[in-house]
């Protein structure tokens, strides 16, 4: 899934790649963006219009993780704690100890990581930083809803080369880092994307050369719509 910024930094392409080691924008910068990819086919994730915030991490936060921000705009995992009432965001980039600057989503549709298989419906905090469809008192993520469950699929025509993890596709629409891919000679999750060349990089080398259908599933993810979400607060 790819988003193009509108207004500020117009034309900047955002997707779930590794965050940057060097700060490029003022922390807290907010931008509006629109998804470049659209399909009405079942299981296909459509990002729509979205809002992102530029933030900083002091550790590892993979793309699709539920996060809070502290007063210094540093990322924190959404904890297994009830009734906090805190705003919730989703990490678009994968942050590491050295790649610490990147974008989080405040509103829009994107893949979120789940602690158990995602199902369509309400969203709750699961294990630290992970979403869950399992109801838990005081842990519902209000302003969030799972639209596509873990069984949803995206099918692409793919060109493979034996011994290479790089797979050429006609377009990268609907694909994202972490998505599990299968096909003739194909196995493993997407670890990187070159949208300009319509290439995805897999965790494993391909074991065949040729053209085949490649199927991506949302294993470990759910496609979730966020709209300035927050953890359920204390009832008084």
Protein backbone atom coordinates (compact mmCIF):
# COMPACT_ATOMS: atom_id res chain seq x y z
CA UNK A 1 0.00 0.00 0.00
CA UNK A 2 1.40 3.37 -1.03
CA UNK A 3 0.32 6.86 -0.06
CA UNK A 4 1.18 10.15 -1.79
CA UNK A 5 1.35 13.31 0.30
CA UNK A 6 -0.88 16.20 -0.73
CA UNK A 7 -0.07 19.81 0.12
CA UNK A 8 3.06 19.48 2.28
CA UNK A 9 5.89 17.61 0.53
CA UNK A 10 3.55 16.93 -2.37
CA UNK A 11 4.52 13.81 -4.31
CA UNK A 12 6.36 12.20 -1.39
CA UNK A 13 5.67 8.45 -1.43
CA UNK A 14 4.91 6.81 1.89
CA UNK A 15 4.75 3.06 2.51
CA UNK A 16 5.86 0.59 5.18
CA UNK A 17 9.59 0.80 4.50
CA UNK A 18 12.35 1.17 7.08
CA UNK A 19 12.33 4.50 8.93
CA UNK A 20 15.12 7.06 8.41
CA UNK A 21 18.30 7.47 10.49
CA UNK A 22 18.29 11.24 9.86
CA UNK A 23 15.48 13.62 10.79
CA UNK A 24 13.86 15.11 7.67
CA UNK A 25 10.91 17.03 9.13
CA UNK A 26 9.90 18.73 12.34
CA UNK A 27 8.62 16.18 14.86
CA UNK A 28 4.84 16.34 15.03
CA UNK A 29 4.46 17.42 11.40
CA UNK A 30 1.06 16.29 10.11
CA UNK A 31 0.30 15.61 6.48
CA UNK A 32 -2.70 14.48 4.50
CA UNK A 33 -2.17 11.76 1.92
CA UNK A 34 -4.13 9.63 -0.51
CA UNK A 35 -3.56 5.98 -1.39
CA UNK A 36 -2.24 5.35 -4.90
CA UNK A 37 -3.86 1.95 -5.20
CA UNK A 38 -7.51 0.97 -5.46
CA UNK A 39 -9.45 -2.19 -6.25
CA UNK A 40 -12.98 -3.29 -5.38
CA UNK A 41 -11.88 -6.95 -5.37
CA UNK A 42 -12.66 -8.70 -2.06
CA UNK A 43 -9.70 -8.84 0.33
CA UNK A 44 -7.88 -5.97 -1.37
CA UNK A 45 -6.76 -3.23 1.07
CA UNK A 46 -7.67 0.30 -0.05
CA UNK A 47 -5.98 3.06 1.92
CA UNK A 48 -8.22 5.97 0.86
CA UNK A 49 -7.47 9.39 2.30
CA UNK A 50 -5.21 9.41 5.35
CA UNK A 51 -3.46 11.56 7.96
CA UNK A 52 0.09 10.89 9.14
CA UNK A 53 2.31 12.33 11.90
CA UNK A 54 6.13 12.48 11.83
CA UNK A 55 7.50 10.88 15.01
CA UNK A 56 10.59 9.39 16.60
CA UNK A 57 11.30 6.00 18.19
CA UNK A 58 13.83 4.94 20.79
CA UNK A 59 13.65 1.28 19.81
CA UNK A 60 12.07 -1.26 17.46
CA UNK A 61 8.51 -0.71 16.25
CA UNK A 62 7.57 -2.72 13.16
CA UNK A 63 5.10 -1.41 10.62
CA UNK A 64 1.48 -2.02 11.59
CA UNK A 65 2.13 -1.79 15.32
CA UNK A 66 -0.25 0.09 17.63
CA UNK A 67 1.55 2.98 19.34
CA UNK A 68 1.10 5.91 21.69
CA UNK A 69 3.26 9.07 21.71
CA UNK A 70 4.77 10.68 24.80
CA UNK A 71 5.27 14.43 25.32
CA UNK A 72 8.51 14.36 23.27
CA UNK A 73 6.73 12.62 20.34
CA UNK A 74 8.55 9.37 21.08
CA UNK A 75 6.72 6.15 20.30
CA UNK A 76 5.46 3.77 22.97
CA UNK A 77 3.69 0.43 22.54
CA UNK A 78 -0.02 0.46 23.31
CA UNK A 79 0.12 -1.59 26.56
CA UNK A 80 -2.12 -4.34 27.87
CA UNK A 81 -3.78 -1.84 30.18
CA UNK A 82 -7.46 -1.00 30.49
CA UNK A 83 -9.19 2.38 30.64
CA UNK A 84 -6.25 4.60 29.68
CA UNK A 85 -8.26 6.76 27.26
CA UNK A 86 -5.05 7.55 25.33
CA UNK A 87 -4.89 8.34 21.60
CA UNK A 88 -3.78 5.42 19.42
CA UNK A 89 -1.75 5.53 16.20
CA UNK A 90 -0.32 2.91 13.83
CA UNK A 91 3.33 2.74 12.77
CA UNK A 92 3.55 3.07 9.00
CA UNK A 93 7.34 2.68 8.93
CA UNK A 94 9.43 0.04 10.67
CA UNK A 95 11.57 1.77 13.29
CA UNK A 96 14.84 0.39 14.67
CA UNK A 97 17.53 1.49 17.11
CA UNK A 98 19.26 3.42 14.29
CA UNK A 99 16.37 4.19 11.93
CA UNK A 100 14.36 6.29 14.34
CA UNK A 101 12.43 8.89 12.30
CA UNK A 102 9.28 8.06 10.38
CA UNK A 103 5.52 8.26 9.99
CA UNK A 104 2.59 6.98 12.02
CA UNK A 105 -1.05 6.97 10.89
CA UNK A 106 -3.70 8.95 12.77
CA UNK A 107 -6.53 8.34 10.31
CA UNK A 108 -6.97 6.12 7.27
CA UNK A 109 -6.91 2.44 6.35
CA UNK A 110 -3.81 0.28 6.70
CA UNK A 111 -2.66 -3.22 7.76
CA UNK A 112 -2.27 -3.64 11.53
CA UNK A 113 -0.49 -6.49 13.28
CA UNK A 114 -2.65 -8.83 15.36
CA UNK A 115 -1.78 -11.04 18.32
CA UNK A 116 -4.38 -13.59 17.10
CA UNK A 117 -6.11 -14.03 13.73
CA UNK A 118 -7.94 -10.86 12.73
CA UNK A 119 -11.70 -10.95 12.21
CA UNK A 120 -13.96 -8.24 10.82
CA UNK A 121 -15.40 -6.02 13.52
CA UNK A 122 -14.38 -4.07 16.63
CA UNK A 123 -10.73 -3.73 17.61
CA UNK A 124 -9.10 -4.22 21.01
CA UNK A 125 -5.55 -3.98 22.33
CA UNK A 126 -3.99 -7.45 22.54
CA UNK A 127 -0.42 -8.13 23.53
CA UNK A 128 1.76 -5.00 23.76
CA UNK A 129 1.58 -3.11 20.46
CA UNK A 130 -0.69 -5.66 18.79
CA UNK A 131 -4.36 -5.54 17.87
CA UNK A 132 -6.90 -8.20 18.78
CA UNK A 133 -10.52 -9.03 17.88
CA UNK A 134 -11.03 -10.48 21.37
CA UNK A 135 -13.25 -8.32 23.57
CA UNK A 136 -11.55 -7.09 26.75
CA UNK A 137 -13.06 -4.68 29.28
CA UNK A 138 -11.57 -1.20 28.98
CA UNK A 139 -9.33 -2.12 26.04
CA UNK A 140 -11.53 -1.43 23.01
CA UNK A 141 -9.86 0.87 20.46
CA UNK A 142 -12.65 3.35 19.78
CA UNK A 143 -12.64 4.93 16.34
CA UNK A 144 -11.22 1.75 14.78
CA UNK A 145 -12.77 -1.18 12.90
CA UNK A 146 -11.30 -4.19 11.09
CA UNK A 147 -12.52 -4.24 7.48
CA UNK A 148 -10.64 -7.27 6.07
CA UNK A 149 -9.73 -10.32 8.15
CA UNK A 150 -6.66 -12.53 8.15
CA UNK A 151 -8.07 -14.82 5.42
CA UNK A 152 -8.29 -12.06 2.81
CA UNK A 153 -6.08 -12.44 -0.27
CA UNK A 154 -4.52 -10.37 -3.06
CA UNK A 155 -3.45 -12.13 -6.27
CA UNK A 156 -0.75 -10.77 -8.61
CA UNK A 157 0.90 -12.01 -11.79
CA UNK A 158 4.56 -12.44 -10.85
CA UNK A 159 7.88 -13.08 -12.58
CA UNK A 160 10.43 -15.00 -10.53
CA UNK A 161 14.09 -15.96 -10.87
CA UNK A 162 15.47 -19.04 -9.16
CA UNK A 163 17.79 -18.07 -6.27
CA UNK A 164 16.60 -14.45 -6.06
CA UNK A 165 14.25 -12.95 -3.45
CA UNK A 166 13.15 -10.23 -5.91
CA UNK A 167 9.80 -10.76 -7.63
CA UNK A 168 8.51 -8.54 -10.44
CA UNK A 169 4.79 -7.79 -10.49
CA UNK A 170 2.58 -5.79 -12.85
CA UNK A 171 1.84 -3.39 -9.99
CA UNK A 172 2.38 -3.32 -6.22
CA UNK A 173 -1.13 -2.15 -5.37
CA UNK A 174 -2.53 -3.87 -2.29
CA UNK A 175 0.83 -5.34 -1.27
CA UNK A 176 2.64 -4.30 1.91
CA UNK A 177 5.69 -5.18 3.96
CA UNK A 178 4.96 -8.18 6.18
CA UNK A 179 2.35 -9.68 3.81
CA UNK A 180 2.76 -13.45 3.39
CA UNK A 181 3.27 -14.53 -0.24
CA UNK A 182 2.87 -17.97 -1.84
CA UNK A 183 3.02 -19.35 -5.39
CA UNK A 184 5.11 -21.63 -7.58
CA UNK A 185 8.64 -21.25 -6.23
CA UNK A 186 7.45 -18.46 -3.90
CA UNK A 187 7.27 -18.50 -0.11
CA UNK A 188 7.83 -15.94 2.63
CA UNK A 189 6.77 -12.46 3.66
CA UNK A 190 7.51 -9.20 1.81
CA UNK A 191 10.50 -7.47 3.42
CA UNK A 192 10.91 -4.53 1.03
CA UNK A 193 9.25 -2.91 -1.98
CA UNK A 194 10.53 -0.96 -4.98
CA UNK A 195 7.30 0.60 -6.18
CA UNK A 196 9.02 2.43 -9.03
CA UNK A 197 10.24 -0.85 -10.55
CA UNK A 198 7.15 -2.86 -9.47
CA UNK A 199 9.35 -5.24 -7.49
CA UNK A 200 8.83 -6.81 -4.07
CA UNK A 201 11.60 -8.46 -2.04
CA UNK A 202 10.74 -11.63 -0.12
CA UNK A 203 12.25 -13.10 3.02
CA UNK A 204 13.19 -16.25 1.06
CA UNK A 205 14.80 -16.79 -2.34
CA UNK A 206 12.54 -18.06 -5.11
CA UNK A 207 13.05 -21.70 -6.10
CA UNK A 208 11.78 -21.43 -9.67
CA UNK A 209 12.10 -19.18 -12.73
CA UNK A 210 9.03 -18.14 -14.67
CA UNK A 211 5.68 -16.34 -14.60
CA UNK A 212 3.10 -17.44 -12.06
CA UNK A 213 0.22 -16.20 -9.94
CA UNK A 214 1.46 -14.99 -6.56
CA UNK A 215 -1.06 -14.87 -3.69
CA UNK A 216 -0.65 -12.56 -0.72
CA UNK A 217 -2.60 -13.24 2.49
CA UNK A 218 -3.12 -11.03 5.51
CA UNK A 219 -1.70 -13.65 7.89
CA UNK A 220 -0.78 -11.90 11.14
CA UNK A 221 -2.54 -8.72 9.96
CA UNK A 222 -5.98 -7.21 9.59
CA UNK A 223 -6.90 -4.29 7.35
CA UNK A 224 -8.14 -1.67 9.80
CA UNK A 225 -9.79 1.73 9.44
CA UNK A 226 -8.61 4.25 12.04
CA UNK A 227 -10.13 7.67 12.63
CA UNK A 228 -8.29 9.46 15.44
CA UNK A 229 -8.70 6.34 17.58
CA UNK A 230 -8.21 6.05 21.33
CA UNK A 231 -8.29 3.38 24.03
CA UNK A 232 -11.53 3.14 25.96
CA UNK A 233 -11.51 5.37 29.01
CA UNK A 234 -12.63 4.83 32.60
CA UNK A 235 -16.41 4.66 33.13
CA UNK A 236 -17.50 6.86 36.06
